[in-house]
Amino acid sequence: MAISYKKLWKLLIDKDMMKKDLRAMTGVSTTTMSRLSKDENVSTEILSKICSALSCDVGDIMEFVPDKKEEQ
């Protein structure tokens, strides 16, 4: 299973926010934002900070998706 943060980016659009706004609210590094943009793993601590800042649940910002190999 792979991770997708598409829900996070949609939520930011819905809240009329940019990635830099989220960085300012949470204090996460540019490296972490890059990892999120690439749908790479980040720590639960980071996910918790994001959820607290956006007043949402972890399921509102990420989801597990089948690997492309599993789809075939």
PDB file of N, CA and C in Angstrom:
ATOM      1  N   MET A   1       0.838  -1.188   0.000  1.00  0.00           N
ATOM      2  CA  MET A   1       0.000   0.000   0.000  1.00  0.00           C
ATOM      3  C   MET A   1       0.883   1.252   0.000  1.00  0.00           C
ATOM      4  N   ALA A   2       0.452   2.215  -0.737  1.00  0.00           N
ATOM      5  CA  ALA A   2       1.150   3.499  -0.799  1.00  0.00           C
ATOM      6  C   ALA A   2       0.305   4.556  -0.083  1.00  0.00           C
ATOM      7  N   ILE A   3       0.931   5.667   0.230  1.00  0.00           N
ATOM      8  CA  ILE A   3       0.255   6.771   0.910  1.00  0.00           C
ATOM      9  C   ILE A   3       0.008   7.890  -0.094  1.00  0.00           C
ATOM     10  N   SER A   4      -1.154   8.502   0.009  1.00  0.00           N
ATOM     11  CA  SER A   4      -1.471   9.657  -0.817  1.00  0.00           C
ATOM     12  C   SER A   4      -1.905  10.809   0.091  1.00  0.00           C
ATOM     13  N   TYR A   5      -1.338  11.978  -0.161  1.00  0.00           N
ATOM     14  CA  TYR A   5      -1.709  13.177   0.600  1.00  0.00           C
ATOM     15  C   TYR A   5      -2.560  14.127  -0.238  1.00  0.00           C
ATOM     16  N   LYS A   6      -3.210  13.604  -1.285  1.00  0.00           N
ATOM     17  CA  LYS A   6      -4.066  14.442  -2.130  1.00  0.00           C
ATOM     18  C   LYS A   6      -5.151  15.131  -1.310  1.00  0.00           C
ATOM     19  N   LYS A   7      -5.658  14.428  -0.307  1.00  0.00           N
ATOM     20  CA  LYS A   7      -6.697  15.022   0.547  1.00  0.00           C
ATOM     21  C   LYS A   7      -6.172  16.269   1.267  1.00  0.00           C
ATOM     22  N   LEU A   8      -4.906  16.244   1.664  1.00  0.00           N
ATOM     23  CA  LEU A   8      -4.300  17.399   2.326  1.00  0.00           C
ATOM     24  C   LEU A   8      -4.275  18.597   1.388  1.00  0.00           C
ATOM     25  N   TRP A   9      -3.829  18.379   0.170  1.00  0.00           N
ATOM     26  CA  TRP A   9      -3.731  19.488  -0.789  1.00  0.00           C
ATOM     27  C   TRP A   9      -5.115  20.037  -1.135  1.00  0.00           C
ATOM     28  N   LYS A  10      -6.118  19.147  -1.228  1.00  0.00           N
ATOM     29  CA  LYS A  10      -7.482  19.613  -1.492  1.00  0.00           C
ATOM     30  C   LYS A  10      -8.003  20.424  -0.308  1.00  0.00           C
ATOM     31  N   LEU A  11      -7.698  19.965   0.904  1.00  0.00           N
ATOM     32  CA  LEU A  11      -8.130  20.683   2.101  1.00  0.00           C
ATOM     33  C   LEU A  11      -7.500  22.072   2.152  1.00  0.00           C
ATOM     34  N   LEU A  12      -6.236  22.176   1.796  1.00  0.00           N
ATOM     35  CA  LEU A  12      -5.584  23.488   1.764  1.00  0.00           C
ATOM     36  C   LEU A  12      -6.271  24.403   0.752  1.00  0.00           C
ATOM     37  N   ILE A  13      -6.625  23.872  -0.405  1.00  0.00           N
ATOM     38  CA  ILE A  13      -7.332  24.662  -1.415  1.00  0.00           C
ATOM     39  C   ILE A  13      -8.679  25.116  -0.864  1.00  0.00           C
ATOM     40  N   ASP A  14      -9.408  24.191  -0.234  1.00  0.00           N
ATOM     41  CA  ASP A  14     -10.719  24.523   0.334  1.00  0.00           C
ATOM     42  C   ASP A  14     -10.622  25.612   1.396  1.00  0.00           C
ATOM     43  N   LYS A  15      -9.499  25.619   2.137  1.00  0.00           N
ATOM     44  CA  LYS A  15      -9.303  26.623   3.190  1.00  0.00           C
ATOM     45  C   LYS A  15      -8.576  27.863   2.668  1.00  0.00           C
ATOM     46  N   ASP A  16      -8.359  27.914   1.353  1.00  0.00           N
ATOM     47  CA  ASP A  16      -7.672  29.034   0.709  1.00  0.00           C
ATOM     48  C   ASP A  16      -6.303  29.276   1.341  1.00  0.00           C
ATOM     49  N   MET A  17      -5.559  28.172   1.502  1.00  0.00           N
ATOM     50  CA  MET A  17      -4.228  28.228   2.099  1.00  0.00           C
ATOM     51  C   MET A  17      -3.197  27.721   1.106  1.00  0.00           C
ATOM     52  N   MET A  18      -1.965  28.143   1.321  1.00  0.00           N
ATOM     53  CA  MET A  18      -0.848  27.651   0.522  1.00  0.00           C
ATOM     54  C   MET A  18       0.035  26.779   1.411  1.00  0.00           C
ATOM     55  N   LYS A  19       0.916  26.020   0.768  1.00  0.00           N
ATOM     56  CA  LYS A  19       1.825  25.155   1.531  1.00  0.00           C
ATOM     57  C   LYS A  19       2.661  25.971   2.512  1.00  0.00           C
ATOM     58  N   LYS A  20       3.067  27.162   2.113  1.00  0.00           N
ATOM     59  CA  LYS A  20       3.882  27.983   3.019  1.00  0.00           C
ATOM     60  C   LYS A  20       3.082  28.402   4.249  1.00  0.00           C
ATOM     61  N   ASP A  21       1.757  28.572   4.104  1.00  0.00           N
ATOM     62  CA  ASP A  21       0.909  28.889   5.251  1.00  0.00           C
ATOM     63  C   ASP A  21       0.878  27.716   6.229  1.00  0.00           C
ATOM     64  N   LEU A  22       0.773  26.515   5.683  1.00  0.00           N
ATOM     65  CA  LEU A  22       0.773  25.315   6.519  1.00  0.00           C
ATOM     66  C   LEU A  22       2.110  25.173   7.238  1.00  0.00           C
ATOM     67  N   ARG A  23       3.200  25.431   6.527  1.00  0.00           N
ATOM     68  CA  ARG A  23       4.531  25.378   7.153  1.00  0.00           C
ATOM     69  C   ARG A  23       4.621  26.351   8.318  1.00  0.00           C
ATOM     70  N   ALA A  24       4.107  27.558   8.129  1.00  0.00           N
ATOM     71  CA  ALA A  24       4.162  28.570   9.185  1.00  0.00           C
ATOM     72  C   ALA A  24       3.328  28.156  10.393  1.00  0.00           C
ATOM     73  N   MET A  25       2.187  27.541  10.140  1.00  0.00           N
ATOM     74  CA  MET A  25       1.294  27.126  11.231  1.00  0.00           C
ATOM     75  C   MET A  25       1.842  25.946  12.031  1.00  0.00           C
ATOM     76  N   THR A  26       2.556  25.060  11.346  1.00  0.00           N
ATOM     77  CA  THR A  26       2.988  23.818  11.989  1.00  0.00           C
ATOM     78  C   THR A  26       4.455  23.801  12.380  1.00  0.00           C
ATOM     79  N   GLY A  27       5.257  24.622  11.707  1.00  0.00           N
ATOM     80  CA  GLY A  27       6.692  24.616  11.979  1.00  0.00           C
ATOM     81  C   GLY A  27       7.427  23.467  11.324  1.00  0.00           C
ATOM     82  N   VAL A  28       6.782  22.776  10.366  1.00  0.00           N
ATOM     83  CA  VAL A  28       7.475  21.676   9.692  1.00  0.00           C
ATOM     84  C   VAL A  28       8.469  22.236   8.680  1.00  0.00           C
ATOM     85  N   SER A  29       9.486  21.471   8.407  1.00  0.00           N
ATOM     86  CA  SER A  29      10.565  21.927   7.520  1.00  0.00           C
ATOM     87  C   SER A  29      10.165  21.838   6.045  1.00  0.00           C
ATOM     88  N   THR A  30      10.957  22.495   5.224  1.00  0.00           N
ATOM     89  CA  THR A  30      10.731  22.409   3.778  1.00  0.00           C
ATOM     90  C   THR A  30      10.973  20.977   3.297  1.00  0.00           C
ATOM     91  N   THR A  31      11.883  20.279   3.939  1.00  0.00           N
ATOM     92  CA  THR A  31      12.150  18.886   3.589  1.00  0.00           C
ATOM     93  C   THR A  31      10.911  18.029   3.830  1.00  0.00           C
ATOM     94  N   THR A  32      10.260  18.250   4.947  1.00  0.00           N
ATOM     95  CA  THR A  32       9.044  17.500   5.264  1.00  0.00           C
ATOM     96  C   THR A  32       7.938  17.823   4.260  1.00  0.00           C
ATOM     97  N   MET A  33       7.800  19.084   3.906  1.00  0.00           N
ATOM     98  CA  MET A  33       6.791  19.472   2.915  1.00  0.00           C
ATOM     99  C   MET A  33       7.089  18.801   1.581  1.00  0.00           C
ATOM    100  N   SER A  34       8.351  18.691   1.250  1.00  0.00           N
ATOM    101  CA  SER A  34       8.750  18.022   0.019  1.00  0.00           C
ATOM    102  C   SER A  34       8.368  16.548   0.066  1.00  0.00           C
ATOM    103  N   ARG A  35       8.597  15.918   1.205  1.00  0.00           N
ATOM    104  CA  ARG A  35       8.230  14.503   1.370  1.00  0.00           C
ATOM    105  C   ARG A  35       6.726  14.322   1.220  1.00  0.00           C
ATOM    106  N   LEU A  36       5.953  15.233   1.779  1.00  0.00           N
ATOM    107  CA  LEU A  36       4.500  15.165   1.640  1.00  0.00           C
ATOM    108  C   LEU A  36       4.088  15.325   0.177  1.00  0.00           C
ATOM    109  N   SER A  37       4.731  16.248  -0.514  1.00  0.00           N
ATOM    110  CA  SER A  37       4.418  16.492  -1.929  1.00  0.00           C
ATOM    111  C   SER A  37       4.702  15.272  -2.794  1.00  0.00           C
ATOM    112  N   LYS A  38       5.687  14.475  -2.370  1.00  0.00           N
ATOM    113  CA  LYS A  38       6.072  13.279  -3.123  1.00  0.00           C
ATOM    114  C   LYS A  38       5.358  12.022  -2.614  1.00  0.00           C
ATOM    115  N   ASP A  39       4.376  12.195  -1.729  1.00  0.00           N
ATOM    116  CA  ASP A  39       3.632  11.075  -1.127  1.00  0.00           C
ATOM    117  C   ASP A  39       4.558  10.082  -0.442  1.00  0.00           C
ATOM    118  N   GLU A  40       5.565  10.620   0.261  1.00  0.00           N
ATOM    119  CA  GLU A  40       6.492   9.775   1.015  1.00  0.00           C
ATOM    120  C   GLU A  40       6.063   9.743   2.480  1.00  0.00           C
ATOM    121  N   ASN A  41       6.591   8.779   3.209  1.00  0.00           N
ATOM    122  CA  ASN A  41       6.246   8.634   4.623  1.00  0.00           C
ATOM    123  C   ASN A  41       6.759   9.810   5.445  1.00  0.00           C
ATOM    124  N   VAL A  42       5.940  10.249   6.390  1.00  0.00           N
ATOM    125  CA  VAL A  42       6.352  11.218   7.396  1.00  0.00           C
ATOM    126  C   VAL A  42       5.916  10.675   8.751  1.00  0.00           C
ATOM    127  N   SER A  43       6.453  11.211   9.813  1.00  0.00           N
ATOM    128  CA  SER A  43       6.158  10.688  11.144  1.00  0.00           C
ATOM    129  C   SER A  43       4.732  11.032  11.580  1.00  0.00           C
ATOM    130  N   THR A  44       4.243  10.254  12.509  1.00  0.00           N
ATOM    131  CA  THR A  44       2.909  10.534  13.062  1.00  0.00           C
ATOM    132  C   THR A  44       2.908  11.861  13.816  1.00  0.00           C
ATOM    133  N   GLU A  45       4.051  12.263  14.332  1.00  0.00           N
ATOM    134  CA  GLU A  45       4.155  13.554  15.004  1.00  0.00           C
ATOM    135  C   GLU A  45       3.853  14.692  14.018  1.00  0.00           C
ATOM    136  N   ILE A  46       4.375  14.589  12.817  1.00  0.00           N
ATOM    137  CA  ILE A  46       4.124  15.596  11.776  1.00  0.00           C
ATOM    138  C   ILE A  46       2.645  15.595  11.404  1.00  0.00           C
ATOM    139  N   LEU A  47       2.087  14.407  11.204  1.00  0.00           N
ATOM    140  CA  LEU A  47       0.662  14.307  10.859  1.00  0.00           C
ATOM    141  C   LEU A  47      -0.200  14.901  11.961  1.00  0.00           C
ATOM    142  N   SER A  48       0.197  14.679  13.201  1.00  0.00           N
ATOM    143  CA  SER A  48      -0.534  15.230  14.336  1.00  0.00           C
ATOM    144  C   SER A  48      -0.487  16.759  14.339  1.00  0.00           C
ATOM    145  N   LYS A  49       0.681  17.327  14.060  1.00  0.00           N
ATOM    146  CA  LYS A  49       0.814  18.792  13.994  1.00  0.00           C
ATOM    147  C   LYS A  49      -0.083  19.369  12.909  1.00  0.00           C
ATOM    148  N   ILE A  50      -0.102  18.713  11.749  1.00  0.00           N
ATOM    149  CA  ILE A  50      -0.921  19.187  10.632  1.00  0.00           C
ATOM    150  C   ILE A  50      -2.405  19.116  10.994  1.00  0.00           C
ATOM    151  N   CYS A  51      -2.813  17.988  11.579  1.00  0.00           N
ATOM    152  CA  CYS A  51      -4.216  17.827  11.965  1.00  0.00           C
ATOM    153  C   CYS A  51      -4.627  18.858  13.014  1.00  0.00           C
ATOM    154  N   SER A  52      -3.761  19.135  13.958  1.00  0.00           N
ATOM    155  CA  SER A  52      -4.058  20.144  14.981  1.00  0.00           C
ATOM    156  C   SER A  52      -4.209  21.522  14.354  1.00  0.00           C
ATOM    157  N   ALA A  53      -3.308  21.850  13.443  1.00  0.00           N
ATOM    158  CA  ALA A  53      -3.333  23.163  12.805  1.00  0.00           C
ATOM    159  C   ALA A  53      -4.574  23.350  11.932  1.00  0.00           C
ATOM    160  N   LEU A  54      -5.017  22.263  11.286  1.00  0.00           N
ATOM    161  CA  LEU A  54      -6.154  22.356  10.371  1.00  0.00           C
ATOM    162  C   LEU A  54      -7.474  21.925  11.011  1.00  0.00           C
ATOM    163  N   SER A  55      -7.420  21.547  12.284  1.00  0.00           N
ATOM    164  CA  SER A  55      -8.607  21.066  13.014  1.00  0.00           C
ATOM    165  C   SER A  55      -9.302  19.943  12.252  1.00  0.00           C
ATOM    166  N   CYS A  56      -8.531  18.913  11.960  1.00  0.00           N
ATOM    167  CA  CYS A  56      -9.098  17.790  11.208  1.00  0.00           C
ATOM    168  C   CYS A  56      -8.531  16.478  11.745  1.00  0.00           C
ATOM    169  N   ASP A  57      -8.979  15.385  11.173  1.00  0.00           N
ATOM    170  CA  ASP A  57      -8.521  14.055  11.529  1.00  0.00           C
ATOM    171  C   ASP A  57      -7.507  13.582  10.492  1.00  0.00           C
ATOM    172  N   VAL A  58      -6.688  12.619  10.852  1.00  0.00           N
ATOM    173  CA  VAL A  58      -5.650  12.128   9.937  1.00  0.00           C
ATOM    174  C   VAL A  58      -6.272  11.586   8.641  1.00  0.00           C
ATOM    175  N   GLY A  59      -7.463  11.010   8.724  1.00  0.00           N
ATOM    176  CA  GLY A  59      -8.140  10.505   7.538  1.00  0.00           C
ATOM    177  C   GLY A  59      -8.583  11.610   6.589  1.00  0.00           C
ATOM    178  N   ASP A  60      -8.588  12.842   7.077  1.00  0.00           N
ATOM    179  CA  ASP A  60      -8.968  13.984   6.239  1.00  0.00           C
ATOM    180  C   ASP A  60      -7.789  14.500   5.404  1.00  0.00           C
ATOM    181  N   ILE A  61      -6.573  14.059   5.729  1.00  0.00           N
ATOM    182  CA  ILE A  61      -5.404  14.580   5.015  1.00  0.00           C
ATOM    183  C   ILE A  61      -4.616  13.519   4.263  1.00  0.00           C
ATOM    184  N   MET A  62      -4.893  12.245   4.523  1.00  0.00           N
ATOM    185  CA  MET A  62      -4.144  11.186   3.844  1.00  0.00           C
ATOM    186  C   MET A  62      -5.004   9.957   3.671  1.00  0.00           C
ATOM    187  N   GLU A  63      -4.563   9.101   2.774  1.00  0.00           N
ATOM    188  CA  GLU A  63      -5.232   7.821   2.594  1.00  0.00           C
ATOM    189  C   GLU A  63      -4.232   6.810   2.056  1.00  0.00           C
ATOM    190  N   PHE A  64      -4.538   5.551   2.266  1.00  0.00           N
ATOM    191  CA  PHE A  64      -3.723   4.479   1.706  1.00  0.00           C
ATOM    192  C   PHE A  64      -4.329   4.087   0.365  1.00  0.00           C
ATOM    193  N   VAL A  65      -3.483   3.941  -0.632  1.00  0.00           N
ATOM    194  CA  VAL A  65      -3.933   3.541  -1.964  1.00  0.00           C
ATOM    195  C   VAL A  65      -3.139   2.306  -2.387  1.00  0.00           C
ATOM    196  N   PRO A  66      -3.750   1.443  -3.187  1.00  0.00           N
ATOM    197  CA  PRO A  66      -3.027   0.239  -3.628  1.00  0.00           C
ATOM    198  C   PRO A  66      -1.800   0.616  -4.457  1.00  0.00           C
ATOM    199  N   ASP A  67      -0.751  -0.157  -4.294  1.00  0.00           N
ATOM    200  CA  ASP A  67       0.433   0.021  -5.138  1.00  0.00           C
ATOM    201  C   ASP A  67       0.063  -0.276  -6.574  1.00  0.00           C
ATOM    202  N   LYS A  68       0.749   0.364  -7.509  1.00  0.00           N
ATOM    203  CA  LYS A  68       0.456   0.136  -8.923  1.00  0.00           C
ATOM    204  C   LYS A  68       0.679  -1.326  -9.308  1.00  0.00           C
ATOM    205  N   LYS A  69       1.630  -1.987  -8.669  1.00  0.00           N
ATOM    206  CA  LYS A  69       1.893  -3.396  -8.947  1.00  0.00           C
ATOM    207  C   LYS A  69       0.708  -4.261  -8.546  1.00  0.00           C
ATOM    208  N   GLU A  70       0.033  -3.877  -7.436  1.00  0.00           N
ATOM    209  CA  GLU A  70      -1.099  -4.656  -6.937  1.00  0.00           C
ATOM    210  C   GLU A  70      -2.315  -4.518  -7.832  1.00  0.00           C
ATOM    211  N   GLU A  71      -2.435  -3.415  -8.582  1.00  0.00           N
ATOM    212  CA  GLU A  71      -3.572  -3.173  -9.435  1.00  0.00           C
ATOM    213  C   GLU A  71      -3.584  -4.099 -10.649  1.00  0.00           C
ATOM    214  N   GLN A  72      -2.429  -4.572 -11.062  1.00  0.00           N
ATOM    215  CA  GLN A  72      -2.342  -5.377 -12.284  1.00  0.00           C
ATOM    216  C   GLN A  72      -2.744  -6.793 -12.056  1.00  0.00           C
TER     217      GLN A  72
END
